[in-house]
Amino acid sequence: MDYIGNKCPVCNNYFHANDDIVVCPECGTPHHRECYESLSHCAKEDLHAEGYDFAKENEPQEDESIICKRCGHKNEKDAFFCSKCALPLNQDTAQNMFSSAQGNFGQTPPYTQQTSQNSQGMPFSMPFDPFDPLSGVPSDFDMGNSVTAGEMSKYVKQNTPYFIRVFSNIKNFTKSKFNFSAAIFTGIYLLYRKMYKIGAVITAIQLAILSFSVYIDYYVLSSSEFTTIMNKINNLAATGLNSQATLTKFTELMNSLTGYQIFVLYLPMIFNIIQIVLMVVIGCCANRMYYNHCLKQIGKIKEKSTDKQQSDTLLQTKGGVNTALAASMFITYIVINYLPAILMNF
């Protein structure tokens, strides 16, 4: 048995190739000859009665690395994804990937087979696979700025099959898709995807619009001045605006109002138009914005990392989503929208 790399139990020094080593005949523990003779017995003598065996206690530890079932690459035991092909390395991660693949805020990736092209112009198949975060895209495919699809998958994490498809289309054909989740949740969606700067700006705009809208609805339009005006408008609308007499009365009413009163009456419609415009713009641009965000953040992580293992760890920890922040902002919207109505009923 080779004892190099083990320590003498007496002097606690490592054994070297030219050391004079003696072995206890009962338990097999190696000693320096001088150390053994100085004790006149084995250093583990008190454990002999318990059946101590040096060979069994020092058997080589089983390799705890995880072998990827798809590409056979050996990964660290605590890795979530294969460092070569980005496949989830355990069933829980794969199941979470399957759940997220069914929709990010309700989105479902296409199930039809598509064909895209790699950076050399060679086509590759992209069939939908709920357990494949790359959805058929090669892990070394260049998504732009020397960022591979595998690195992009590790950073995106939630709903990667959808985004890898979208990002590869942006890279190859400069075409994106309308993101309905981003259109519905706008600023909240951007914060959820950790696009904090633009998300904070859009969210601030929406909160300001919502706050002004609530103020106009519950405090300005509910005042006696505007209550009278709204009652007159509602009465005219109830009689139907298709008759000439009603239209004449409506025109006279509007002409009797001040510029401030007309502006306040149109504010709710203006707020709604702004909200719709924001939803459409964010829905059209969200995927491209997220693509550029991922490229930028992954590039920064790779620049700061000293080796690939550190880079992979940072990609998995810095990426993903911020569910807590998105949920808190959603609750804030609800509070601002409904709290005034609750307070006015007391």
Protein backbone atom coordinates (compact mmCIF):
# COMPACT_ATOMS: atom_id res chain seq x y z
CA MET A 1 0.00 0.00 0.00
CA ASP A 2 1.30 3.47 -0.86
CA TYR A 3 1.39 5.60 2.29
CA ILE A 4 2.65 8.79 0.63
CA GLY A 5 0.18 11.59 1.46
CA ASN A 6 -0.78 10.04 4.80
CA LYS A 7 0.48 11.33 8.15
CA CYS A 8 2.41 9.53 10.85
CA PRO A 9 0.06 9.36 13.89
CA VAL A 10 2.98 10.13 16.23
CA CYS A 11 4.79 13.12 14.72
CA ASN A 12 1.86 14.16 12.49
CA ASN A 13 4.19 14.66 9.50
CA TYR A 14 3.45 13.41 6.00
CA PHE A 15 5.19 10.28 4.72
CA HIS A 16 7.64 10.76 1.86
CA ALA A 17 9.03 8.33 -0.72
CA ASN A 18 12.34 7.65 1.08
CA ASP A 19 10.94 7.42 4.65
CA ASP A 20 11.56 4.28 6.73
CA ILE A 21 8.00 3.14 7.47
CA VAL A 22 6.81 0.34 9.71
CA VAL A 23 3.25 -0.91 9.86
CA CYS A 24 1.33 -2.15 12.90
CA PRO A 25 0.77 -5.90 12.37
CA GLU A 26 -2.66 -5.73 14.01
CA CYS A 27 -4.39 -2.67 12.51
CA GLY A 28 -2.07 -1.74 9.63
CA THR A 29 -1.39 1.83 10.78
CA PRO A 30 1.90 3.14 9.27
CA HIS A 31 4.51 4.92 11.44
CA HIS A 32 7.97 6.32 10.99
CA ARG A 33 10.27 3.64 12.38
CA GLU A 34 11.75 6.07 14.88
CA CYS A 35 8.30 7.14 16.02
CA TYR A 36 7.11 3.58 16.44
CA GLU A 37 10.21 2.61 18.41
CA SER A 38 9.89 5.68 20.62
CA LEU A 39 6.40 4.54 21.65
CA SER A 40 7.23 0.84 21.66
CA HIS A 41 3.68 0.20 20.41
CA CYS A 42 1.14 1.29 17.81
CA ALA A 43 -0.26 4.81 18.19
CA LYS A 44 -3.75 3.35 17.64
CA GLU A 45 -3.35 0.63 20.25
CA ASP A 46 -6.29 1.91 22.28
CA LEU A 47 -8.55 1.35 19.23
CA HIS A 48 -7.49 -2.25 18.59
CA ALA A 49 -10.17 -3.61 20.87
CA GLU A 50 -12.78 -1.80 18.77
CA GLY A 51 -11.53 -3.47 15.59
CA TYR A 52 -9.84 -0.41 14.12
CA ASP A 53 -8.46 -1.03 10.60
CA PHE A 54 -6.31 1.65 8.96
CA ALA A 55 -7.04 0.43 5.41
CA LYS A 56 -10.82 0.62 5.87
CA GLU A 57 -10.71 4.01 7.59
CA ASN A 58 -8.62 5.47 4.77
CA GLU A 59 -10.36 4.03 1.75
CA PRO A 60 -10.48 6.53 -1.15
CA GLN A 61 -13.59 8.68 -0.94
CA GLU A 62 -16.19 8.08 -3.61
CA ASP A 63 -16.17 10.72 -6.31
CA GLU A 64 -19.13 12.97 -5.51
CA SER A 65 -19.09 14.79 -8.85
CA ILE A 66 -22.24 14.65 -10.98
CA ILE A 67 -22.05 13.16 -14.46
CA CYS A 68 -24.33 14.84 -17.01
CA LYS A 69 -26.72 12.28 -18.49
CA ARG A 70 -26.72 14.01 -21.87
CA CYS A 71 -23.09 14.90 -22.62
CA GLY A 72 -21.22 12.86 -19.97
CA HIS A 73 -19.37 15.88 -18.58
CA LYS A 74 -18.23 15.69 -14.94
CA ASN A 75 -19.62 18.54 -12.82
CA GLU A 76 -19.14 19.74 -9.25
CA LYS A 77 -21.44 18.03 -6.74
CA ASP A 78 -23.29 21.28 -5.91
CA ALA A 79 -23.82 22.38 -9.53
CA PHE A 80 -27.39 22.99 -10.69
CA PHE A 81 -26.68 22.77 -14.41
CA CYS A 82 -24.08 20.99 -16.53
CA SER A 83 -21.20 23.40 -17.13
CA LYS A 84 -20.86 22.12 -20.69
CA CYS A 85 -24.41 21.73 -22.07
CA ALA A 86 -26.48 23.45 -19.30
CA LEU A 87 -28.80 20.47 -18.74
CA PRO A 88 -30.42 20.40 -15.25
CA LEU A 89 -28.44 17.91 -13.14
CA ASN A 90 -31.19 16.73 -10.79
CA GLN A 91 -34.86 15.89 -11.08
CA ASP A 92 -36.06 18.83 -8.95
CA THR A 93 -34.25 21.33 -11.15
CA ALA A 94 -35.59 19.64 -14.26
CA GLN A 95 -39.14 19.70 -12.89
CA ASN A 96 -38.83 23.40 -12.03
CA MET A 97 -37.53 24.01 -15.55
CA PHE A 98 -40.53 22.15 -16.94
CA SER A 99 -42.92 24.25 -14.86
CA SER A 100 -41.27 27.51 -15.85
CA ALA A 101 -41.22 26.40 -19.49
CA GLN A 102 -45.00 26.27 -19.41
CA GLY A 103 -45.11 29.99 -18.97
CA ASN A 104 -43.46 33.05 -17.55
CA PHE A 105 -46.48 34.89 -16.12
CA GLY A 106 -48.64 32.61 -18.26
CA GLN A 107 -46.57 32.46 -21.46
CA THR A 108 -46.17 29.12 -23.16
CA PRO A 109 -43.30 28.46 -25.55
CA PRO A 110 -44.26 27.11 -28.98
CA TYR A 111 -44.45 23.35 -29.27
CA THR A 112 -43.81 23.20 -32.99
CA GLN A 113 -40.42 22.31 -34.38
CA GLN A 114 -38.48 25.19 -35.83
CA THR A 115 -35.18 25.58 -37.63
CA SER A 116 -32.68 28.32 -36.97
CA GLN A 117 -29.03 28.80 -37.92
CA ASN A 118 -25.83 28.95 -35.98
CA SER A 119 -23.21 31.66 -36.30
CA GLN A 120 -21.63 29.81 -39.24
CA GLY A 121 -24.90 29.66 -41.11
CA MET A 122 -25.40 25.93 -40.50
CA PRO A 123 -29.00 25.01 -39.59
CA PHE A 124 -29.77 23.31 -36.32
CA SER A 125 -33.05 21.82 -35.15
CA MET A 126 -34.92 23.43 -32.29
CA PRO A 127 -37.62 20.93 -31.14
CA PHE A 128 -39.37 21.76 -27.90
CA ASP A 129 -38.04 19.72 -24.98
CA PRO A 130 -39.31 20.63 -21.49
CA PHE A 131 -36.17 19.13 -19.93
CA ASP A 132 -33.77 20.91 -22.28
CA PRO A 133 -33.19 24.53 -21.20
CA LEU A 134 -31.54 25.23 -24.56
CA SER A 135 -34.48 23.88 -26.55
CA GLY A 136 -32.23 22.30 -29.16
CA VAL A 137 -29.78 25.20 -29.49
CA PRO A 138 -26.11 24.07 -29.14
CA SER A 139 -24.62 25.12 -25.79
CA ASP A 140 -21.66 26.76 -27.54
CA PHE A 141 -23.84 28.77 -29.91
CA ASP A 142 -22.75 32.42 -29.88
CA MET A 143 -25.69 34.55 -28.71
CA GLY A 144 -23.66 37.73 -29.24
CA ASN A 145 -20.73 39.47 -27.54
CA SER A 146 -19.02 36.07 -27.10
CA VAL A 147 -21.83 34.90 -24.79
CA THR A 148 -22.81 31.27 -25.40
CA ALA A 149 -26.28 29.79 -25.22
CA GLY A 150 -25.18 27.71 -22.23
CA GLU A 151 -24.12 30.84 -20.32
CA MET A 152 -27.33 32.58 -21.31
CA SER A 153 -29.36 29.63 -20.04
CA LYS A 154 -27.60 29.65 -16.67
CA TYR A 155 -28.28 33.37 -16.25
CA VAL A 156 -31.92 33.38 -17.43
CA LYS A 157 -32.87 30.23 -15.43
CA GLN A 158 -36.69 30.60 -15.40
CA ASN A 159 -38.39 29.86 -18.74
CA THR A 160 -35.11 29.38 -20.60
CA PRO A 161 -36.58 27.34 -23.51
CA TYR A 162 -38.73 30.32 -24.50
CA PHE A 163 -35.99 32.92 -24.13
CA ILE A 164 -33.25 30.87 -25.82
CA ARG A 165 -35.51 30.54 -28.86
CA VAL A 166 -36.34 34.23 -28.86
CA PHE A 167 -32.72 35.30 -28.30
CA SER A 168 -31.43 33.05 -31.09
CA ASN A 169 -33.97 34.61 -33.47
CA ILE A 170 -32.90 38.09 -32.41
CA LYS A 171 -29.26 37.14 -32.96
CA ASN A 172 -29.79 35.43 -36.34
CA PHE A 173 -32.68 37.31 -37.91
CA THR A 174 -33.02 40.48 -35.74
CA LYS A 175 -36.63 39.44 -35.14
CA SER A 176 -38.34 39.32 -31.76
CA LYS A 177 -41.79 38.37 -30.43
CA PHE A 178 -44.49 40.33 -28.64
CA ASN A 179 -44.22 39.55 -24.93
CA PHE A 180 -47.77 39.48 -23.56
CA SER A 181 -46.59 39.03 -19.97
CA ALA A 182 -44.48 42.18 -20.23
CA ALA A 183 -47.39 44.04 -21.82
CA ILE A 184 -49.75 43.11 -18.99
CA PHE A 185 -47.37 43.66 -16.06
CA THR A 186 -45.05 46.27 -17.69
CA GLY A 187 -42.85 47.72 -14.91
CA ILE A 188 -43.46 44.79 -12.59
CA TYR A 189 -42.30 42.38 -15.30
CA LEU A 190 -39.08 44.35 -15.86
CA LEU A 191 -38.31 44.30 -12.14
CA TYR A 192 -39.15 40.59 -12.02
CA ARG A 193 -36.51 40.00 -14.70
CA LYS A 194 -34.00 42.13 -12.73
CA MET A 195 -33.91 44.98 -15.25
CA TYR A 196 -33.90 47.34 -12.33
CA LYS A 197 -33.08 50.68 -13.98
CA ILE A 198 -35.66 50.69 -16.76
CA GLY A 199 -38.06 48.77 -14.52
CA ALA A 200 -37.82 51.45 -11.81
CA VAL A 201 -38.46 54.20 -14.37
CA ILE A 202 -41.51 52.51 -15.92
CA THR A 203 -42.87 51.53 -12.51
CA ALA A 204 -42.45 55.09 -11.22
CA ILE A 205 -44.34 56.43 -14.25
CA GLN A 206 -47.15 53.93 -13.73
CA LEU A 207 -47.37 54.61 -10.00
CA ALA A 208 -47.52 58.34 -10.70
CA ILE A 209 -50.28 57.84 -13.29
CA LEU A 210 -52.19 55.54 -10.94
CA SER A 211 -51.84 57.97 -8.03
CA PHE A 212 -53.04 60.93 -10.10
CA SER A 213 -55.87 58.84 -11.54
CA VAL A 214 -57.03 57.79 -8.07
CA TYR A 215 -56.79 61.38 -6.85
CA ILE A 216 -58.84 62.65 -9.80
CA ASP A 217 -61.49 59.91 -9.44
CA TYR A 218 -61.95 60.00 -5.67
CA TYR A 219 -61.23 63.61 -4.75
CA VAL A 220 -61.62 65.93 -7.76
CA LEU A 221 -64.44 64.38 -9.77
CA SER A 222 -66.31 63.55 -6.56
CA SER A 223 -66.38 67.23 -5.50
CA SER A 224 -69.66 69.13 -5.72
CA GLU A 225 -68.41 71.16 -8.69
CA PHE A 226 -67.71 68.16 -10.88
CA THR A 227 -70.53 66.05 -9.50
CA THR A 228 -72.99 68.58 -10.93
CA ILE A 229 -71.21 68.57 -14.29
CA MET A 230 -71.05 64.75 -14.44
CA ASN A 231 -74.77 64.48 -13.57
CA LYS A 232 -75.64 66.82 -16.47
CA ILE A 233 -73.45 64.84 -18.87
CA ASN A 234 -74.94 61.52 -17.70
CA ASN A 235 -78.50 62.84 -18.10
CA LEU A 236 -77.76 63.97 -21.65
CA ALA A 237 -76.14 60.63 -22.43
CA ALA A 238 -79.16 58.78 -21.07
CA THR A 239 -81.45 60.58 -23.53
CA GLY A 240 -79.16 59.65 -26.42
CA LEU A 241 -76.71 61.89 -28.23
CA ASN A 242 -78.12 61.03 -31.66
CA SER A 243 -80.75 63.79 -31.63
CA GLN A 244 -79.89 67.28 -32.75
CA ALA A 245 -81.44 68.86 -29.66
CA THR A 246 -79.37 66.71 -27.29
CA LEU A 247 -76.19 67.43 -29.22
CA THR A 248 -76.93 71.13 -29.05
CA LYS A 249 -77.42 70.96 -25.27
CA PHE A 250 -74.20 68.96 -24.89
CA THR A 251 -72.27 71.52 -26.96
CA GLU A 252 -73.70 74.36 -24.89
CA LEU A 253 -72.71 72.54 -21.69
CA MET A 254 -69.15 72.00 -22.85
CA ASN A 255 -68.86 75.62 -23.98
CA SER A 256 -69.95 76.76 -20.54
CA LEU A 257 -67.10 74.92 -18.85
CA THR A 258 -63.69 76.44 -18.12
CA GLY A 259 -60.49 75.09 -19.64
CA TYR A 260 -59.53 73.60 -16.29
CA GLN A 261 -62.85 71.74 -16.00
CA ILE A 262 -62.57 70.30 -19.51
CA PHE A 263 -58.97 69.23 -18.86
CA VAL A 264 -59.95 67.42 -15.65
CA LEU A 265 -62.82 65.64 -17.41
CA TYR A 266 -60.45 64.36 -20.11
CA LEU A 267 -57.66 63.35 -17.69
CA PRO A 268 -58.95 59.78 -17.06
CA MET A 269 -59.02 59.13 -20.81
CA ILE A 270 -55.50 60.62 -21.18
CA PHE A 271 -54.23 58.36 -18.39
CA ASN A 272 -55.77 55.31 -20.05
CA ILE A 273 -54.15 56.18 -23.39
CA ILE A 274 -50.74 56.55 -21.74
CA GLN A 275 -51.16 53.18 -20.01
CA ILE A 276 -52.12 51.47 -23.27
CA VAL A 277 -49.17 53.03 -25.11
CA LEU A 278 -46.80 51.84 -22.34
CA MET A 279 -48.22 48.32 -22.49
CA VAL A 280 -47.82 48.09 -26.26
CA VAL A 281 -44.29 49.55 -26.25
CA ILE A 282 -43.07 47.30 -23.42
CA GLY A 283 -44.71 44.25 -24.98
CA CYS A 284 -42.94 44.93 -28.28
CA CYS A 285 -39.54 45.77 -26.76
CA ALA A 286 -39.29 43.60 -23.61
CA ASN A 287 -37.63 40.57 -25.21
CA ARG A 288 -35.02 42.66 -27.01
CA MET A 289 -34.41 44.71 -23.86
CA TYR A 290 -33.94 41.52 -21.83
CA TYR A 291 -31.63 40.08 -24.49
CA ASN A 292 -29.37 43.15 -24.35
CA HIS A 293 -29.57 43.16 -20.53
CA CYS A 294 -28.43 39.51 -20.36
CA LEU A 295 -25.54 40.08 -22.76
CA LYS A 296 -24.36 43.07 -20.73
CA GLN A 297 -24.64 41.41 -17.31
CA ILE A 298 -23.07 38.12 -18.42
CA GLY A 299 -20.20 40.08 -19.98
CA LYS A 300 -19.58 41.88 -16.68
CA ILE A 301 -19.65 38.59 -14.75
CA LYS A 302 -17.14 36.97 -17.11
CA GLU A 303 -14.81 39.97 -16.86
CA LYS A 304 -14.81 39.85 -13.04
CA SER A 305 -14.48 36.06 -12.77
CA THR A 306 -11.05 34.52 -12.32
CA ASP A 307 -12.06 31.09 -13.64
CA LYS A 308 -14.96 29.27 -15.29
CA GLN A 309 -16.21 27.75 -12.03
CA GLN A 310 -16.56 31.18 -10.44
CA SER A 311 -18.24 32.47 -13.60
CA ASP A 312 -20.78 29.61 -13.59
CA THR A 313 -21.54 30.19 -9.91
CA LEU A 314 -22.10 33.92 -10.42
CA LEU A 315 -24.29 33.30 -13.48
CA GLN A 316 -26.57 31.06 -11.43
CA THR A 317 -26.69 33.36 -8.39
CA LYS A 318 -26.83 36.78 -10.08
CA GLY A 319 -29.31 35.77 -12.77
CA GLY A 320 -32.83 34.44 -12.56
CA VAL A 321 -35.75 36.52 -11.33
CA ASN A 322 -36.73 38.65 -8.35
CA THR A 323 -40.13 37.33 -7.34
CA ALA A 324 -40.23 39.15 -3.99
CA LEU A 325 -39.74 42.58 -5.55
CA ALA A 326 -42.32 41.91 -8.27
CA ALA A 327 -44.87 40.72 -5.68
CA SER A 328 -44.28 43.74 -3.44
CA MET A 329 -44.81 46.14 -6.35
CA PHE A 330 -48.00 44.30 -7.34
CA ILE A 331 -49.30 44.69 -3.79
CA THR A 332 -48.38 48.39 -3.92
CA TYR A 333 -50.51 48.83 -7.06
CA ILE A 334 -53.46 47.14 -5.36
CA VAL A 335 -53.13 49.27 -2.21
CA ILE A 336 -52.96 52.55 -4.15
CA ASN A 337 -55.90 51.56 -6.33
CA TYR A 338 -58.30 50.30 -3.65
CA LEU A 339 -57.26 51.92 -0.37
CA PRO A 340 -58.96 55.31 -1.07
CA ALA A 341 -62.28 53.58 -1.81
CA ILE A 342 -62.00 51.59 1.44
CA LEU A 343 -61.15 54.68 3.47
CA MET A 344 -64.02 56.70 1.97
CA ASN A 345 -66.50 54.05 3.09
CA PHE A 346 -65.60 54.54 6.75
